[in-house]
Protein backbone atom coordinates (compact mmCIF):
# COMPACT_ATOMS: atom_id res chain seq x y z
CA MET A 1 -7.99 2.76 -9.64
CA VAL A 2 -6.63 3.91 -12.97
CA VAL A 3 -4.19 1.37 -14.39
CA ILE A 4 -3.02 3.65 -17.23
CA GLY A 5 -0.38 5.26 -14.98
CA LEU A 6 1.32 1.92 -14.41
CA GLN A 7 3.32 2.19 -17.62
CA HIS A 8 5.38 4.95 -15.99
CA MET A 9 5.75 3.14 -12.70
CA ASN A 10 7.85 0.14 -11.91
CA LEU A 11 5.32 -2.69 -12.16
CA HIS A 12 7.23 -4.78 -9.63
CA GLN A 13 7.10 -1.94 -7.11
CA TRP A 14 3.36 -1.52 -7.65
CA SER A 15 2.70 -5.28 -7.31
CA ARG A 16 4.73 -5.44 -4.10
CA ALA A 17 2.83 -2.47 -2.68
CA ALA A 18 -0.52 -4.09 -3.50
CA ALA A 19 0.59 -7.33 -1.85
CA LEU A 20 1.72 -5.51 1.31
CA LEU A 21 -1.68 -3.92 1.72
CA HIS A 22 -3.58 -7.01 0.52
CA VAL A 23 -5.51 -5.14 -2.15
CA SER A 24 -6.46 -6.19 -5.66
CA PRO A 25 -5.16 -4.48 -8.81
CA THR A 26 -8.60 -2.93 -9.28
CA ALA A 27 -8.86 -1.53 -5.73
CA SER A 28 -10.37 1.91 -5.43
CA GLU A 29 -8.73 4.77 -3.57
CA SER A 30 -11.05 4.25 -0.61
CA GLU A 31 -10.23 0.51 -0.50
CA ILE A 32 -6.51 1.30 -0.52
CA ARG A 33 -6.92 3.83 2.28
CA LYS A 34 -8.97 1.40 4.37
CA ALA A 35 -6.46 -1.43 3.86
CA TYR A 36 -3.65 0.96 4.83
CA ARG A 37 -5.39 2.02 8.05
CA LEU A 38 -5.97 -1.59 9.09
CA ALA A 39 -2.43 -2.69 8.23
CA VAL A 40 -0.68 0.26 9.89
CA ALA A 41 -2.76 -0.16 13.05
CA ALA A 42 -1.68 -3.80 13.30
CA ALA A 43 1.98 -3.00 12.52
CA HIS A 44 2.26 0.06 14.77
CA PRO A 45 5.31 -0.03 17.07
CA ASP A 46 3.10 0.53 20.11
CA ARG A 47 1.34 -2.73 19.27
CA GLY A 48 4.46 -4.81 18.87
CA GLY A 49 5.18 -3.86 15.27
CA SER A 50 8.24 -2.13 13.96
CA HIS A 51 9.12 1.24 12.48
CA GLU A 52 10.45 -0.54 9.39
CA LYS A 53 7.12 -2.26 8.70
CA THR A 54 5.23 0.99 9.22
CA SER A 55 7.59 2.72 6.79
CA GLU A 56 7.02 -0.03 4.20
CA LEU A 57 3.26 0.38 4.55
CA ASN A 58 3.55 4.17 4.15
CA GLU A 59 5.57 3.70 0.98
CA ALA A 60 3.09 1.12 -0.34
CA ARG A 61 0.19 3.53 0.19
CA THR A 62 2.07 6.31 -1.59
CA VAL A 63 2.89 4.07 -4.56
CA LEU A 64 -0.67 2.81 -4.95
CA LEU A 65 -2.31 6.20 -4.59
CA ALA A 66 0.11 7.76 -7.09
CA ALA A 67 -0.94 5.25 -9.77
């Protein structure tokens, strides 16, 4: 992951996204994608999760991959 883009992004938003997906600040794109797949599968509404949690995870993935 390239940390240079963080200066233009809200650092709090990025940190929260990383915490939601349980990834480190140095996580690669493939690690982020894998963490997202695992988290969204567990939080899927068909498995007792909620639409809100799934939406949060989608946003977290977008934030981390945009960095």
